[in-house]
Amino acid sequence: MATNVLIAGVGGVLGQKLVEAFRKKDIRPAGLALSFKGLEAVKDRLMSSFEADVTRPETLCGVCAGIDIVVSVIGITRVSGKLTHMDVDYQGNMNLLAEAKRAGVRKFVFISPAGTDLGARQGVPLMEAKFRFEEELKNSGLQWVIMRASAFMCDLAAMAKTAREGSLFVIGDGKAECAPIDVGELALCMAEDALTLADTCTSAGGPRTMTWLEICVSCFRVWNRPVRIVFVPVWVCHVALTLIRPFSLRYYALGKMVLFFSVVGVSVQKRGRMDFDAYLERDSTMRMV
């Protein structure tokens, strides 16, 4: 019997890679995005498509009809705007979960950063919102899968673009570790876990654990440039965040997340095959024409 999948957040890079991953499983998923413009790149590969704002539950009516598995990669990805992580990453997903339950969805799959439970205890707004939803999901009565993902290589590649012309900043001693993963490989892991697992937390990272210093060195090496790193004391970041918070909760939230990953090492299952150095070498978006 065919399995019907809805990918919520299909307009983002991970959402689009998930479409490809499920197609490799012979599943043509449905897609939900904030606007139909976000669906343009994948609409011809979708079973159906929906435009909805998850912070407005009335727009979600009917999106889960006939769906067996909802895979949500919804979350705030931009600093601009007035919505908070609690508005989107928590309440938006709660609205989608409620619609999934009404429609008789069997399983709900959700993604969080590696270390979300620890980050929530340390007051990182993104992780507080994610962890709060995770706990609600576990008690929802639906089957659930929570993916804890390591740093995305495509995000780290932005550091390499900066390294081409200038210096990189490292908070603390740069020894905190992560295992960067290619988003396409992460999508394959999520699709596999969505179809085969239930009621469990899983994780995914790339093949190599790297410190932030090693990541920075790779970013300079790809351009054959000398390593130029500016070390920023952790206490300076804490002071800066205290000053920023009254004026911009969004920049405060971003800063808390960056600070957390800069000083706290997180461990994940090494499931990806793409090495970060190889990713940088193949990343044509970094090359000047």
C-alpha atoms as a PDB file:
ATOM      1  CA  MET A   1       0.000   0.000   0.000  1.00  0.00           C
ATOM      2  CA  ALA A   2       1.342   3.431  -0.989  1.00  0.00           C
ATOM      3  CA  THR A   3       2.502   5.825   1.734  1.00  0.00           C
ATOM      4  CA  ASN A   4       1.456   9.450   1.351  1.00  0.00           C
ATOM      5  CA  VAL A   5       3.940  11.991   2.728  1.00  0.00           C
ATOM      6  CA  LEU A   6       3.564  15.741   3.311  1.00  0.00           C
ATOM      7  CA  ILE A   7       6.762  17.805   3.534  1.00  0.00           C
ATOM      8  CA  ALA A   8       6.081  20.998   5.470  1.00  0.00           C
ATOM      9  CA  GLY A   9       8.671  23.662   4.710  1.00  0.00           C
ATOM     10  CA  VAL A  10       9.328  22.439   1.190  1.00  0.00           C
ATOM     11  CA  GLY A  11      10.447  25.884   0.050  1.00  0.00           C
ATOM     12  CA  GLY A  12      13.735  25.639   1.964  1.00  0.00           C
ATOM     13  CA  VAL A  13      16.911  23.876   0.900  1.00  0.00           C
ATOM     14  CA  LEU A  14      16.289  20.855   3.154  1.00  0.00           C
ATOM     15  CA  GLY A  15      12.648  20.653   2.105  1.00  0.00           C
ATOM     16  CA  GLN A  16      13.627  20.543  -1.563  1.00  0.00           C
ATOM     17  CA  LYS A  17      16.244  17.863  -0.913  1.00  0.00           C
ATOM     18  CA  LEU A  18      13.596  15.850   0.937  1.00  0.00           C
ATOM     19  CA  VAL A  19      11.466  15.845  -2.213  1.00  0.00           C
ATOM     20  CA  GLU A  20      14.374  14.236  -4.078  1.00  0.00           C
ATOM     21  CA  ALA A  21      14.984  11.778  -1.226  1.00  0.00           C
ATOM     22  CA  PHE A  22      11.384  10.552  -1.142  1.00  0.00           C
ATOM     23  CA  ARG A  23      11.262  10.311  -4.925  1.00  0.00           C
ATOM     24  CA  LYS A  24      14.194   7.894  -4.659  1.00  0.00           C
ATOM     25  CA  LYS A  25      11.916   5.849  -2.396  1.00  0.00           C
ATOM     26  CA  ASP A  26       9.258   5.868  -5.150  1.00  0.00           C
ATOM     27  CA  ILE A  27       7.125   8.298  -3.143  1.00  0.00           C
ATOM     28  CA  ARG A  28       5.813  11.467  -4.737  1.00  0.00           C
ATOM     29  CA  PRO A  29       5.239  13.691  -1.703  1.00  0.00           C
ATOM     30  CA  ALA A  30       2.886  16.592  -1.161  1.00  0.00           C
ATOM     31  CA  GLY A  31       4.485  19.909  -0.259  1.00  0.00           C
ATOM     32  CA  LEU A  32       3.552  22.830   1.977  1.00  0.00           C
ATOM     33  CA  ALA A  33       5.243  26.227   1.856  1.00  0.00           C
ATOM     34  CA  LEU A  34       4.554  29.734   3.070  1.00  0.00           C
ATOM     35  CA  SER A  35       3.958  30.857  -0.511  1.00  0.00           C
ATOM     36  CA  PHE A  36       3.510  29.201  -3.893  1.00  0.00           C
ATOM     37  CA  LYS A  37       6.676  31.028  -4.986  1.00  0.00           C
ATOM     38  CA  GLY A  38       8.589  28.780  -2.598  1.00  0.00           C
ATOM     39  CA  LEU A  39       7.138  25.735  -4.341  1.00  0.00           C
ATOM     40  CA  GLU A  40       8.205  26.664  -7.865  1.00  0.00           C
ATOM     41  CA  ALA A  41      11.495  24.728  -7.848  1.00  0.00           C
ATOM     42  CA  VAL A  42       9.827  21.413  -6.940  1.00  0.00           C
ATOM     43  CA  LYS A  43       6.122  21.727  -7.836  1.00  0.00           C
ATOM     44  CA  ASP A  44       6.426  19.425 -10.869  1.00  0.00           C
ATOM     45  CA  ARG A  45       7.752  16.653  -8.575  1.00  0.00           C
ATOM     46  CA  LEU A  46       4.994  16.983  -5.968  1.00  0.00           C
ATOM     47  CA  MET A  47       1.787  15.006  -5.691  1.00  0.00           C
ATOM     48  CA  SER A  48       0.038  18.202  -4.557  1.00  0.00           C
ATOM     49  CA  SER A  49       1.060  21.546  -3.127  1.00  0.00           C
ATOM     50  CA  PHE A  50      -0.309  23.879  -0.471  1.00  0.00           C
ATOM     51  CA  GLU A  51       0.307  27.496   0.479  1.00  0.00           C
ATOM     52  CA  ALA A  52      -0.149  28.009   4.214  1.00  0.00           C
ATOM     53  CA  ASP A  53       1.116  30.074   7.129  1.00  0.00           C
ATOM     54  CA  VAL A  54       1.553  27.661  10.037  1.00  0.00           C
ATOM     55  CA  THR A  55       1.208  30.527  12.529  1.00  0.00           C
ATOM     56  CA  ARG A  56      -2.377  30.957  11.255  1.00  0.00           C
ATOM     57  CA  PRO A  57      -4.096  27.609  11.887  1.00  0.00           C
ATOM     58  CA  GLU A  58      -7.071  28.457   9.670  1.00  0.00           C
ATOM     59  CA  THR A  59      -4.778  28.291   6.621  1.00  0.00           C
ATOM     60  CA  LEU A  60      -3.881  24.656   7.400  1.00  0.00           C
ATOM     61  CA  CYS A  61      -7.381  23.269   6.963  1.00  0.00           C
ATOM     62  CA  GLY A  62      -7.242  20.189   4.725  1.00  0.00           C
ATOM     63  CA  VAL A  63      -3.485  20.091   4.098  1.00  0.00           C
ATOM     64  CA  CYS A  64      -3.134  16.705   5.832  1.00  0.00           C
ATOM     65  CA  ALA A  65      -6.125  14.996   4.197  1.00  0.00           C
ATOM     66  CA  GLY A  66      -5.089  11.518   3.033  1.00  0.00           C
ATOM     67  CA  ILE A  67      -1.569  11.910   4.455  1.00  0.00           C
ATOM     68  CA  ASP A  68       0.144   9.110   6.369  1.00  0.00           C
ATOM     69  CA  ILE A  69       3.373  10.852   7.405  1.00  0.00           C
ATOM     70  CA  VAL A  70       4.042  14.556   7.977  1.00  0.00           C
ATOM     71  CA  VAL A  71       7.697  15.622   7.811  1.00  0.00           C
ATOM     72  CA  SER A  72       8.162  19.112   9.231  1.00  0.00           C
ATOM     73  CA  VAL A  73      11.273  21.166   8.558  1.00  0.00           C
ATOM     74  CA  ILE A  74       9.435  24.397   9.359  1.00  0.00           C
ATOM     75  CA  GLY A  75      11.309  27.026  11.317  1.00  0.00           C
ATOM     76  CA  ILE A  76      12.602  30.575  11.242  1.00  0.00           C
ATOM     77  CA  THR A  77      15.521  30.878   8.838  1.00  0.00           C
ATOM     78  CA  ARG A  78      15.865  34.663   8.562  1.00  0.00           C
ATOM     79  CA  VAL A  79      16.742  37.374  11.053  1.00  0.00           C
ATOM     80  CA  SER A  80      14.240  39.863   9.573  1.00  0.00           C
ATOM     81  CA  GLY A  81      10.607  39.887  10.642  1.00  0.00           C
ATOM     82  CA  LYS A  82       8.673  40.075  13.913  1.00  0.00           C
ATOM     83  CA  LEU A  83       7.911  36.404  14.494  1.00  0.00           C
ATOM     84  CA  THR A  84       9.898  34.575  17.161  1.00  0.00           C
ATOM     85  CA  HIS A  85      11.085  30.978  17.364  1.00  0.00           C
ATOM     86  CA  MET A  86       8.280  30.321  19.829  1.00  0.00           C
ATOM     87  CA  ASP A  87       5.794  31.667  17.244  1.00  0.00           C
ATOM     88  CA  VAL A  88       7.055  29.457  14.414  1.00  0.00           C
ATOM     89  CA  ASP A  89       9.251  26.581  15.625  1.00  0.00           C
ATOM     90  CA  TYR A  90       6.909  25.816  18.520  1.00  0.00           C
ATOM     91  CA  GLN A  91       3.417  27.189  17.931  1.00  0.00           C
ATOM     92  CA  GLY A  92       3.520  26.854  14.145  1.00  0.00           C
ATOM     93  CA  ASN A  93       4.426  23.194  14.448  1.00  0.00           C
ATOM     94  CA  MET A  94       1.807  22.755  17.173  1.00  0.00           C
ATOM     95  CA  ASN A  95      -0.807  24.076  14.737  1.00  0.00           C
ATOM     96  CA  LEU A  96       0.397  21.646  12.074  1.00  0.00           C
ATOM     97  CA  LEU A  97       0.401  18.786  14.585  1.00  0.00           C
ATOM     98  CA  ALA A  98      -3.201  19.572  15.559  1.00  0.00           C
ATOM     99  CA  GLU A  99      -4.238  19.482  11.895  1.00  0.00           C
ATOM    100  CA  ALA A 100      -2.364  16.210  11.416  1.00  0.00           C
ATOM    101  CA  LYS A 101      -4.215  14.641  14.346  1.00  0.00           C
ATOM    102  CA  ARG A 102      -7.581  15.844  13.001  1.00  0.00           C
ATOM    103  CA  ALA A 103      -6.805  14.303   9.614  1.00  0.00           C
ATOM    104  CA  GLY A 104      -5.774  10.926  11.038  1.00  0.00           C
ATOM    105  CA  VAL A 105      -2.076  11.185  10.152  1.00  0.00           C
ATOM    106  CA  ARG A 106      -0.137   8.174  11.445  1.00  0.00           C
ATOM    107  CA  LYS A 107       3.349   9.643  12.026  1.00  0.00           C
ATOM    108  CA  PHE A 108       4.944  13.077  12.507  1.00  0.00           C
ATOM    109  CA  VAL A 109       8.656  13.602  11.774  1.00  0.00           C
ATOM    110  CA  PHE A 110      10.456  16.674  13.119  1.00  0.00           C
ATOM    111  CA  ILE A 111      13.975  18.091  12.843  1.00  0.00           C
ATOM    112  CA  SER A 112      15.997  19.860  15.526  1.00  0.00           C
ATOM    113  CA  PRO A 113      19.676  20.792  15.834  1.00  0.00           C
ATOM    114  CA  ALA A 114      21.977  18.356  17.597  1.00  0.00           C
ATOM    115  CA  GLY A 115      22.171  19.309  21.269  1.00  0.00           C
ATOM    116  CA  THR A 116      18.659  20.765  21.407  1.00  0.00           C
ATOM    117  CA  ASP A 117      17.951  19.394  24.888  1.00  0.00           C
ATOM    118  CA  LEU A 118      21.146  20.930  26.294  1.00  0.00           C
ATOM    119  CA  GLY A 119      20.646  24.206  24.422  1.00  0.00           C
ATOM    120  CA  ALA A 120      17.114  24.501  25.788  1.00  0.00           C
ATOM    121  CA  ARG A 121      18.473  24.261  29.332  1.00  0.00           C
ATOM    122  CA  GLN A 122      20.967  27.016  28.506  1.00  0.00           C
ATOM    123  CA  GLY A 123      18.260  29.383  27.280  1.00  0.00           C
ATOM    124  CA  VAL A 124      18.921  29.286  23.519  1.00  0.00           C
ATOM    125  CA  PRO A 125      15.581  30.539  22.063  1.00  0.00           C
ATOM    126  CA  LEU A 126      15.622  28.276  18.985  1.00  0.00           C
ATOM    127  CA  MET A 127      16.320  25.211  21.083  1.00  0.00           C
ATOM    128  CA  GLU A 128      13.816  26.157  23.771  1.00  0.00           C
ATOM    129  CA  ALA A 129      11.090  26.300  21.121  1.00  0.00           C
ATOM    130  CA  LYS A 130      12.240  23.098  19.394  1.00  0.00           C
ATOM    131  CA  PHE A 131      12.552  21.130  22.630  1.00  0.00           C
ATOM    132  CA  ARG A 132       9.160  22.278  23.877  1.00  0.00           C
ATOM    133  CA  PHE A 133       7.563  21.037  20.662  1.00  0.00           C
ATOM    134  CA  GLU A 134       9.479  17.756  20.850  1.00  0.00           C
ATOM    135  CA  GLU A 135       7.958  17.079  24.266  1.00  0.00           C
ATOM    136  CA  GLU A 136       4.460  17.860  22.960  1.00  0.00           C
ATOM    137  CA  LEU A 137       5.032  15.594  19.962  1.00  0.00           C
ATOM    138  CA  LYS A 138       6.093  12.676  22.151  1.00  0.00           C
ATOM    139  CA  ASN A 139       2.796  12.952  24.049  1.00  0.00           C
ATOM    140  CA  SER A 140       0.606  13.561  20.991  1.00  0.00           C
ATOM    141  CA  GLY A 141      -0.591   9.989  20.505  1.00  0.00           C
ATOM    142  CA  LEU A 142       0.936   9.894  17.002  1.00  0.00           C
ATOM    143  CA  GLN A 143       3.992   7.902  16.089  1.00  0.00           C
ATOM    144  CA  TRP A 144       6.947  10.256  16.051  1.00  0.00           C
ATOM    145  CA  VAL A 145      10.526  10.542  14.856  1.00  0.00           C
ATOM    146  CA  ILE A 146      12.818  13.372  15.943  1.00  0.00           C
ATOM    147  CA  MET A 147      15.943  13.949  13.861  1.00  0.00           C
ATOM    148  CA  ARG A 148      18.812  15.759  15.577  1.00  0.00           C
ATOM    149  CA  ALA A 149      21.020  17.114  12.786  1.00  0.00           C
ATOM    150  CA  SER A 150      24.575  18.400  12.823  1.00  0.00           C
ATOM    151  CA  ALA A 151      25.708  21.625  11.112  1.00  0.00           C
ATOM    152  CA  PHE A 152      24.763  21.973   7.435  1.00  0.00           C
ATOM    153  CA  MET A 153      27.730  22.148   5.067  1.00  0.00           C
ATOM    154  CA  CYS A 154      25.896  24.675   2.901  1.00  0.00           C
ATOM    155  CA  ASP A 155      25.692  27.050   5.887  1.00  0.00           C
ATOM    156  CA  LEU A 156      29.364  26.593   6.732  1.00  0.00           C
ATOM    157  CA  ALA A 157      30.277  27.286   3.102  1.00  0.00           C
ATOM    158  CA  ALA A 158      29.308  30.907   3.754  1.00  0.00           C
ATOM    159  CA  MET A 159      32.332  31.050   6.060  1.00  0.00           C
ATOM    160  CA  ALA A 160      34.522  29.942   3.177  1.00  0.00           C
ATOM    161  CA  LYS A 161      33.247  32.804   1.044  1.00  0.00           C
ATOM    162  CA  THR A 162      34.216  35.210   3.822  1.00  0.00           C
ATOM    163  CA  ALA A 163      37.624  33.555   4.164  1.00  0.00           C
ATOM    164  CA  ARG A 164      38.345  34.261   0.496  1.00  0.00           C
ATOM    165  CA  GLU A 165      38.636  37.989   1.178  1.00  0.00           C
ATOM    166  CA  GLY A 166      39.163  38.421   4.915  1.00  0.00           C
ATOM    167  CA  SER A 167      39.373  36.900   8.366  1.00  0.00           C
ATOM    168  CA  LEU A 168      37.127  34.509  10.271  1.00  0.00           C
ATOM    169  CA  PHE A 169      36.014  34.933  13.876  1.00  0.00           C
ATOM    170  CA  VAL A 170      36.089  32.117  16.400  1.00  0.00           C
ATOM    171  CA  ILE A 171      34.395  32.351  19.796  1.00  0.00           C
ATOM    172  CA  GLY A 172      36.418  30.886  22.639  1.00  0.00           C
ATOM    173  CA  ASP A 173      39.244  28.457  21.900  1.00  0.00           C
ATOM    174  CA  GLY A 174      37.633  26.923  18.789  1.00  0.00           C
ATOM    175  CA  LYS A 175      37.875  23.373  20.132  1.00  0.00           C
ATOM    176  CA  ALA A 176      34.133  22.605  20.246  1.00  0.00           C
ATOM    177  CA  GLU A 177      33.302  19.820  17.788  1.00  0.00           C
ATOM    178  CA  CYS A 178      30.607  18.973  15.280  1.00  0.00           C
ATOM    179  CA  ALA A 179      30.270  16.660  12.276  1.00  0.00           C
ATOM    180  CA  PRO A 180      29.109  18.792   9.306  1.00  0.00           C
ATOM    181  CA  ILE A 181      26.689  17.053   6.962  1.00  0.00           C
ATOM    182  CA  ASP A 182      25.656  17.624   3.358  1.00  0.00           C
ATOM    183  CA  VAL A 183      21.960  18.571   3.252  1.00  0.00           C
ATOM    184  CA  GLY A 184      21.231  16.088   0.486  1.00  0.00           C
ATOM    185  CA  GLU A 185      22.630  13.261   2.592  1.00  0.00           C
ATOM    186  CA  LEU A 186      20.690  14.484   5.607  1.00  0.00           C
ATOM    187  CA  ALA A 187      17.500  14.381   3.542  1.00  0.00           C
ATOM    188  CA  LEU A 188      18.194  10.767   2.590  1.00  0.00           C
ATOM    189  CA  CYS A 189      18.646   9.884   6.261  1.00  0.00           C
ATOM    190  CA  MET A 190      15.416  11.637   7.208  1.00  0.00           C
ATOM    191  CA  ALA A 191      13.423   9.921   4.467  1.00  0.00           C
ATOM    192  CA  GLU A 192      14.761   6.523   5.525  1.00  0.00           C
ATOM    193  CA  ASP A 193      14.023   7.154   9.206  1.00  0.00           C
ATOM    194  CA  ALA A 194      10.566   8.559   8.455  1.00  0.00           C
ATOM    195  CA  LEU A 195       9.600   5.352   6.681  1.00  0.00           C
ATOM    196  CA  THR A 196      11.238   2.813   9.008  1.00  0.00           C
ATOM    197  CA  LEU A 197      11.378   4.211  12.558  1.00  0.00           C
ATOM    198  CA  ALA A 198       8.790   5.178  15.151  1.00  0.00           C
ATOM    199  CA  ASP A 199       8.794   6.769  18.608  1.00  0.00           C
ATOM    200  CA  THR A 200      12.503   7.507  18.677  1.00  0.00           C
ATOM    201  CA  CYS A 201      15.112  10.248  18.494  1.00  0.00           C
ATOM    202  CA  THR A 202      17.720   9.730  15.820  1.00  0.00           C
ATOM    203  CA  SER A 203      20.596  11.833  14.531  1.00  0.00           C
ATOM    204  CA  ALA A 204      22.786  12.431  11.514  1.00  0.00           C
ATOM    205  CA  GLY A 205      26.136  14.023  10.826  1.00  0.00           C
ATOM    206  CA  GLY A 206      28.895  13.771   8.271  1.00  0.00           C
ATOM    207  CA  PRO A 207      31.807  11.314   8.267  1.00  0.00           C
ATOM    208  CA  ARG A 208      34.290  13.520  10.140  1.00  0.00           C
ATOM    209  CA  THR A 209      34.183  15.223  13.527  1.00  0.00           C
ATOM    210  CA  MET A 210      35.800  18.658  13.226  1.00  0.00           C
ATOM    211  CA  THR A 211      36.614  21.455  15.630  1.00  0.00           C
ATOM    212  CA  TRP A 212      35.654  24.994  14.662  1.00  0.00           C
ATOM    213  CA  LEU A 213      39.352  25.713  14.191  1.00  0.00           C
ATOM    214  CA  GLU A 214      39.594  22.843  11.699  1.00  0.00           C
ATOM    215  CA  ILE A 215      36.494  24.084   9.877  1.00  0.00           C
ATOM    216  CA  CYS A 216      38.041  27.555   9.599  1.00  0.00           C
ATOM    217  CA  VAL A 217      41.330  26.147   8.326  1.00  0.00           C
ATOM    218  CA  SER A 218      39.437  24.241   5.623  1.00  0.00           C
ATOM    219  CA  CYS A 219      37.703  27.458   4.590  1.00  0.00           C
ATOM    220  CA  PHE A 220      41.049  29.158   3.981  1.00  0.00           C
ATOM    221  CA  ARG A 221      42.675  26.088   2.440  1.00  0.00           C
ATOM    222  CA  VAL A 222      40.123  25.876  -0.368  1.00  0.00           C
ATOM    223  CA  TRP A 223      41.388  29.285  -1.594  1.00  0.00           C
ATOM    224  CA  ASN A 224      45.067  28.563  -0.823  1.00  0.00           C
ATOM    225  CA  ARG A 225      45.028  31.559   1.490  1.00  0.00           C
ATOM    226  CA  PRO A 226      46.896  32.018   4.783  1.00  0.00           C
ATOM    227  CA  VAL A 227      44.810  31.304   7.862  1.00  0.00           C
ATOM    228  CA  ARG A 228      43.540  34.495   9.487  1.00  0.00           C
ATOM    229  CA  ILE A 229      41.455  33.843  12.600  1.00  0.00           C
ATOM    230  CA  VAL A 230      40.357  36.389  15.191  1.00  0.00           C
ATOM    231  CA  PHE A 231      39.559  34.835  18.576  1.00  0.00           C
ATOM    232  CA  VAL A 232      36.686  36.433  20.480  1.00  0.00           C
ATOM    233  CA  PRO A 233      36.502  35.800  24.244  1.00  0.00           C
ATOM    234  CA  VAL A 234      33.292  34.143  25.418  1.00  0.00           C
ATOM    235  CA  TRP A 235      32.715  36.859  28.025  1.00  0.00           C
ATOM    236  CA  VAL A 236      32.663  39.507  25.298  1.00  0.00           C
ATOM    237  CA  CYS A 237      29.836  37.624  23.569  1.00  0.00           C
ATOM    238  CA  HIS A 238      27.840  37.397  26.796  1.00  0.00           C
ATOM    239  CA  VAL A 239      28.165  41.149  27.314  1.00  0.00           C
ATOM    240  CA  ALA A 240      27.213  41.845  23.698  1.00  0.00           C
ATOM    241  CA  LEU A 241      24.124  39.620  23.956  1.00  0.00           C
ATOM    242  CA  THR A 242      23.025  41.392  27.132  1.00  0.00           C
ATOM    243  CA  LEU A 243      23.258  44.731  25.308  1.00  0.00           C
ATOM    244  CA  ILE A 244      21.505  43.459  22.165  1.00  0.00           C
ATOM    245  CA  ARG A 245      18.559  41.749  23.851  1.00  0.00           C
ATOM    246  CA  PRO A 246      16.470  44.898  24.684  1.00  0.00           C
ATOM    247  CA  PHE A 247      16.709  46.095  21.075  1.00  0.00           C
ATOM    248  CA  SER A 248      16.454  42.944  18.947  1.00  0.00           C
ATOM    249  CA  LEU A 249      15.199  39.586  20.192  1.00  0.00           C
ATOM    250  CA  ARG A 250      15.884  38.100  16.758  1.00  0.00           C
ATOM    251  CA  TYR A 251      19.585  39.030  16.784  1.00  0.00           C
ATOM    252  CA  TYR A 252      19.775  37.963  20.433  1.00  0.00           C
ATOM    253  CA  ALA A 253      18.340  34.545  19.503  1.00  0.00           C
ATOM    254  CA  LEU A 254      20.798  34.191  16.613  1.00  0.00           C
ATOM    255  CA  GLY A 255      23.702  35.205  18.827  1.00  0.00           C
ATOM    256  CA  LYS A 256      22.734  32.716  21.542  1.00  0.00           C
ATOM    257  CA  MET A 257      22.646  29.922  18.982  1.00  0.00           C
ATOM    258  CA  VAL A 258      26.048  30.848  17.504  1.00  0.00           C
ATOM    259  CA  LEU A 259      27.563  31.096  20.985  1.00  0.00           C
ATOM    260  CA  PHE A 260      26.145  27.701  21.991  1.00  0.00           C
ATOM    261  CA  PHE A 261      27.578  25.840  19.007  1.00  0.00           C
ATOM    262  CA  SER A 262      30.897  27.686  19.336  1.00  0.00           C
ATOM    263  CA  VAL A 263      31.559  26.437  22.855  1.00  0.00           C
ATOM    264  CA  VAL A 264      29.513  23.219  23.209  1.00  0.00           C
ATOM    265  CA  GLY A 265      30.484  20.077  21.335  1.00  0.00           C
ATOM    266  CA  VAL A 266      27.653  17.835  20.168  1.00  0.00           C
ATOM    267  CA  SER A 267      27.800  14.211  19.053  1.00  0.00           C
ATOM    268  CA  VAL A 268      25.713  12.564  16.330  1.00  0.00           C
ATOM    269  CA  GLN A 269      25.624   9.363  14.321  1.00  0.00           C
ATOM    270  CA  LYS A 270      28.093   9.662  11.422  1.00  0.00           C
ATOM    271  CA  ARG A 271      25.811   8.739   8.539  1.00  0.00           C
ATOM    272  CA  GLY A 272      26.904  11.039   5.717  1.00  0.00           C
ATOM    273  CA  ARG A 273      29.718  10.256   3.273  1.00  0.00           C
ATOM    274  CA  MET A 274      30.574  13.705   1.920  1.00  0.00           C
ATOM    275  CA  ASP A 275      33.664  15.182   3.596  1.00  0.00           C
ATOM    276  CA  PHE A 276      33.583  18.929   4.308  1.00  0.00           C
ATOM    277  CA  ASP A 277      36.796  19.640   2.371  1.00  0.00           C
ATOM    278  CA  ALA A 278      35.419  17.763  -0.637  1.00  0.00           C
ATOM    279  CA  TYR A 279      32.173  19.715  -0.338  1.00  0.00           C
ATOM    280  CA  LEU A 280      34.027  23.028  -0.466  1.00  0.00           C
ATOM    281  CA  GLU A 281      35.980  21.906  -3.506  1.00  0.00           C
ATOM    282  CA  ARG A 282      32.823  21.018  -5.432  1.00  0.00           C
ATOM    283  CA  ASP A 283      30.763  24.034  -4.306  1.00  0.00           C
ATOM    284  CA  SER A 284      30.466  25.916  -7.591  1.00  0.00           C
ATOM    285  CA  THR A 285      28.521  28.741  -5.903  1.00  0.00           C
ATOM    286  CA  MET A 286      31.809  29.853  -4.354  1.00  0.00           C
ATOM    287  CA  ARG A 287      33.629  30.127  -7.657  1.00  0.00           C
ATOM    288  CA  MET A 288      33.989  33.403  -9.492  1.00  0.00           C
ATOM    289  CA  VAL A 289      33.000  33.277 -13.156  1.00  0.00           C
END
